[in-house]
Amino acid sequence: MVPENVGKRYFETSLIIVFGSLYAVTGYFTFFGINFYGVRFWPAVVVPATAAVLFGEKVGGCSAALGILVSDVLAHGMLFLSLTVGVPSNFIAFYIIGKVCRRYSLKRYMISATIGLAAGSIIIGLGLFLWSQAFPLPFNSQITPLAFEAIFSISAWTFISEIPFLYILVPPLVRMVKGRVGKVV
């Protein structure tokens, strides 16, 4: 017989792999060529946000980190950029959402989505600014150092282009899944 905590770890690991894969695939198929300084238009955020609300911060954060890593490598092939900017920003954003939403309510979710995405967006803005000082940005072939002010515009683009998906799509997805399977966590 497998001890309960070991079974829970296997279950969480399985969820991380499933949601991470789903995030990568969804991101790949919903990228329509729209990007701003390498930050892609990204409706796929609904996947790790839903995972975070349903299964907690570890599943949300880790599945987001795994999914963005795979998706970035497929989209632009810049592994080190993904490891230094994409992975940490996604992990932190969706970890926050899962942590704050341990007891789900729409109000808690909206607050956690706002705070989590804001934190992730700032990390992306700052990370791409720093990256651009020495390396080319995704979908570019030349090094073009960004001005400091670009941190704000990249952060704003990331937040503004993703928050509608978190506000509009995740709450009904969570209600639908919780209604079908009862208490999931």
Protein backbone atom coordinates (compact mmCIF):
# COMPACT_ATOMS: atom_id res chain seq x y z
CA MET A 1 0.00 0.00 0.00
CA VAL A 2 1.27 3.46 -0.95
CA PRO A 3 1.37 6.01 1.90
CA GLU A 4 -1.14 8.84 1.45
CA ASN A 5 1.48 11.61 1.05
CA VAL A 6 3.30 9.60 -1.67
CA GLY A 7 0.03 9.03 -3.51
CA LYS A 8 -0.72 12.76 -3.29
CA ARG A 9 2.72 13.59 -4.76
CA TYR A 10 2.13 11.20 -7.67
CA PHE A 11 -1.28 12.73 -8.23
CA GLU A 12 0.13 16.28 -8.17
CA THR A 13 2.99 15.31 -10.49
CA SER A 14 0.51 13.79 -12.91
CA LEU A 15 -1.61 16.95 -12.81
CA ILE A 16 1.46 19.13 -13.41
CA ILE A 17 2.38 17.08 -16.47
CA VAL A 18 -1.17 17.05 -17.84
CA PHE A 19 -1.84 20.77 -17.28
CA GLY A 20 1.69 21.74 -18.38
CA SER A 21 1.22 19.81 -21.63
CA LEU A 22 -2.22 21.27 -22.14
CA TYR A 23 -0.83 24.78 -21.54
CA ALA A 24 1.96 24.25 -24.10
CA VAL A 25 -0.38 22.80 -26.73
CA THR A 26 -3.05 25.46 -26.16
CA GLY A 27 -0.40 28.18 -26.34
CA TYR A 28 1.00 26.76 -29.56
CA PHE A 29 -2.40 26.57 -31.26
CA THR A 30 -3.65 29.96 -30.04
CA PHE A 31 -0.59 31.93 -31.11
CA PHE A 32 -1.79 33.94 -34.08
CA GLY A 33 1.49 35.75 -34.77
CA ILE A 34 0.59 38.65 -32.47
CA ASN A 35 3.42 39.67 -30.14
CA PHE A 36 4.79 42.76 -28.47
CA TYR A 37 8.56 42.71 -27.95
CA GLY A 38 8.36 38.93 -28.04
CA VAL A 39 5.46 38.60 -25.59
CA ARG A 40 2.82 36.59 -27.43
CA PHE A 41 -0.92 37.19 -27.36
CA TRP A 42 -1.73 34.48 -24.85
CA PRO A 43 -5.28 33.18 -24.25
CA ALA A 44 -3.71 29.95 -22.99
CA VAL A 45 -3.40 31.50 -19.50
CA VAL A 46 -6.79 29.98 -18.70
CA VAL A 47 -5.16 26.53 -18.42
CA PRO A 48 -2.75 27.10 -15.49
CA ALA A 49 -5.18 29.51 -13.82
CA THR A 50 -7.87 26.83 -13.82
CA ALA A 51 -5.33 24.29 -12.55
CA ALA A 52 -4.24 26.66 -9.78
CA VAL A 53 -7.79 27.27 -8.57
CA LEU A 54 -8.82 23.61 -8.71
CA PHE A 55 -5.65 21.92 -7.49
CA GLY A 56 -3.61 24.56 -5.66
CA GLU A 57 -0.53 26.67 -5.98
CA LYS A 58 1.99 23.89 -6.62
CA VAL A 59 0.04 22.43 -9.55
CA GLY A 60 -0.77 25.89 -10.95
CA GLY A 61 2.77 27.26 -10.68
CA CYS A 62 4.62 24.15 -11.82
CA SER A 63 2.29 23.39 -14.72
CA ALA A 64 2.60 27.00 -15.91
CA ALA A 65 6.41 26.84 -15.67
CA LEU A 66 6.54 23.55 -17.57
CA GLY A 67 4.03 24.64 -20.20
CA ILE A 68 5.65 27.99 -20.97
CA LEU A 69 9.08 26.35 -21.23
CA VAL A 70 7.87 23.85 -23.84
CA SER A 71 5.82 26.48 -25.68
CA ASP A 72 8.67 29.01 -25.77
CA VAL A 73 11.15 26.48 -27.11
CA LEU A 74 8.68 25.49 -29.85
CA ALA A 75 7.78 29.11 -30.69
CA HIS A 76 11.13 30.90 -30.65
CA GLY A 77 13.75 28.38 -29.56
CA MET A 78 15.26 30.60 -26.85
CA LEU A 79 15.62 28.14 -23.97
CA PHE A 80 17.73 30.39 -21.72
CA LEU A 81 15.33 33.30 -22.14
CA SER A 82 12.44 31.05 -21.17
CA LEU A 83 14.32 29.71 -18.14
CA THR A 84 15.22 33.20 -16.90
CA VAL A 85 12.03 35.13 -17.72
CA GLY A 86 9.12 32.95 -18.87
CA VAL A 87 9.42 30.16 -16.33
CA PRO A 88 9.83 32.34 -13.20
CA SER A 89 7.10 34.80 -14.24
CA ASN A 90 4.60 32.02 -14.98
CA PHE A 91 5.46 30.06 -11.85
CA ILE A 92 5.03 33.10 -9.59
CA ALA A 93 1.82 34.35 -11.28
CA PHE A 94 -0.03 31.06 -11.05
CA TYR A 95 1.43 30.11 -7.66
CA ILE A 96 -0.08 33.32 -6.28
CA ILE A 97 -3.44 32.55 -7.87
CA GLY A 98 -3.48 29.06 -6.37
CA LYS A 99 -2.29 30.22 -2.96
CA VAL A 100 -4.90 32.96 -2.61
CA CYS A 101 -7.72 30.76 -3.97
CA ARG A 102 -7.38 27.89 -1.53
CA ARG A 103 -10.95 28.66 -0.52
CA TYR A 104 -12.49 29.62 -3.84
CA SER A 105 -14.86 32.50 -4.22
CA LEU A 106 -15.28 34.74 -7.23
CA LYS A 107 -14.02 37.73 -5.25
CA ARG A 108 -10.89 35.86 -4.04
CA TYR A 109 -10.26 34.62 -7.56
CA MET A 110 -10.53 38.09 -9.13
CA ILE A 111 -8.13 39.50 -6.55
CA SER A 112 -5.66 36.63 -6.96
CA ALA A 113 -5.81 36.80 -10.77
CA THR A 114 -5.12 40.52 -10.67
CA ILE A 115 -2.23 40.27 -8.21
CA GLY A 116 -0.74 37.13 -9.75
CA LEU A 117 -0.88 38.40 -13.32
CA ALA A 118 0.46 41.82 -12.28
CA ALA A 119 3.46 40.16 -10.60
CA GLY A 120 4.11 37.92 -13.59
CA SER A 121 3.73 40.82 -16.03
CA ILE A 122 6.25 42.96 -14.14
CA ILE A 123 8.76 40.09 -14.11
CA ILE A 124 8.32 39.71 -17.88
CA GLY A 125 8.73 43.45 -18.50
CA LEU A 126 11.85 43.71 -16.36
CA GLY A 127 13.27 40.43 -17.66
CA LEU A 128 12.88 41.36 -21.32
CA PHE A 129 14.39 44.79 -20.69
CA LEU A 130 17.47 43.17 -19.09
CA TRP A 131 17.64 40.45 -21.75
CA SER A 132 17.52 43.00 -24.59
CA GLN A 133 20.66 44.70 -23.30
CA ALA A 134 22.80 41.75 -24.42
CA PHE A 135 20.68 39.44 -26.58
CA PRO A 136 18.09 39.67 -29.36
CA LEU A 137 14.46 39.47 -28.33
CA PRO A 138 12.23 36.67 -29.62
CA PHE A 139 11.25 36.97 -33.27
CA ASN A 140 14.19 39.39 -33.88
CA SER A 141 17.66 38.71 -35.20
CA GLN A 142 19.50 41.77 -33.90
CA ILE A 143 20.33 43.01 -30.44
CA THR A 144 18.20 46.08 -29.85
CA PRO A 145 18.55 47.30 -26.26
CA LEU A 146 15.20 48.52 -24.97
CA ALA A 147 14.80 51.79 -23.12
CA PHE A 148 13.99 51.55 -19.42
CA GLU A 149 10.44 52.75 -20.11
CA ALA A 150 9.80 49.59 -22.13
CA ILE A 151 9.44 47.72 -18.83
CA PHE A 152 6.15 49.52 -18.29
CA SER A 153 4.77 49.05 -21.80
CA ILE A 154 5.71 45.34 -21.92
CA SER A 155 4.24 44.78 -18.45
CA ALA A 156 1.07 46.62 -19.44
CA TRP A 157 0.72 44.68 -22.73
CA THR A 158 1.15 41.38 -20.90
CA PHE A 159 -1.42 42.27 -18.26
CA ILE A 160 -3.98 43.90 -20.55
CA SER A 161 -3.83 41.16 -23.19
CA GLU A 162 -4.22 38.30 -20.69
CA ILE A 163 -6.49 39.53 -17.89
CA PRO A 164 -9.73 39.34 -19.93
CA PHE A 165 -9.18 35.61 -20.42
CA LEU A 166 -8.61 35.14 -16.69
CA TYR A 167 -11.65 37.20 -15.70
CA ILE A 168 -14.09 35.87 -18.30
CA LEU A 169 -13.17 32.23 -18.95
CA VAL A 170 -11.71 30.80 -15.75
CA PRO A 171 -14.66 31.31 -13.33
CA PRO A 172 -17.16 29.38 -15.51
CA LEU A 173 -14.56 26.66 -16.17
CA VAL A 174 -13.95 26.27 -12.45
CA ARG A 175 -17.69 26.15 -11.69
CA MET A 176 -18.25 23.60 -14.45
CA VAL A 177 -15.46 21.28 -13.29
CA LYS A 178 -16.31 21.61 -9.60
CA GLY A 179 -19.96 20.96 -10.40
CA ARG A 180 -19.11 17.74 -12.23
CA VAL A 181 -16.57 16.22 -9.88
CA GLY A 182 -17.51 17.79 -6.56
CA LYS A 183 -14.70 18.80 -4.30
CA VAL A 184 -11.48 18.34 -6.28
CA VAL A 185 -8.94 19.39 -3.75
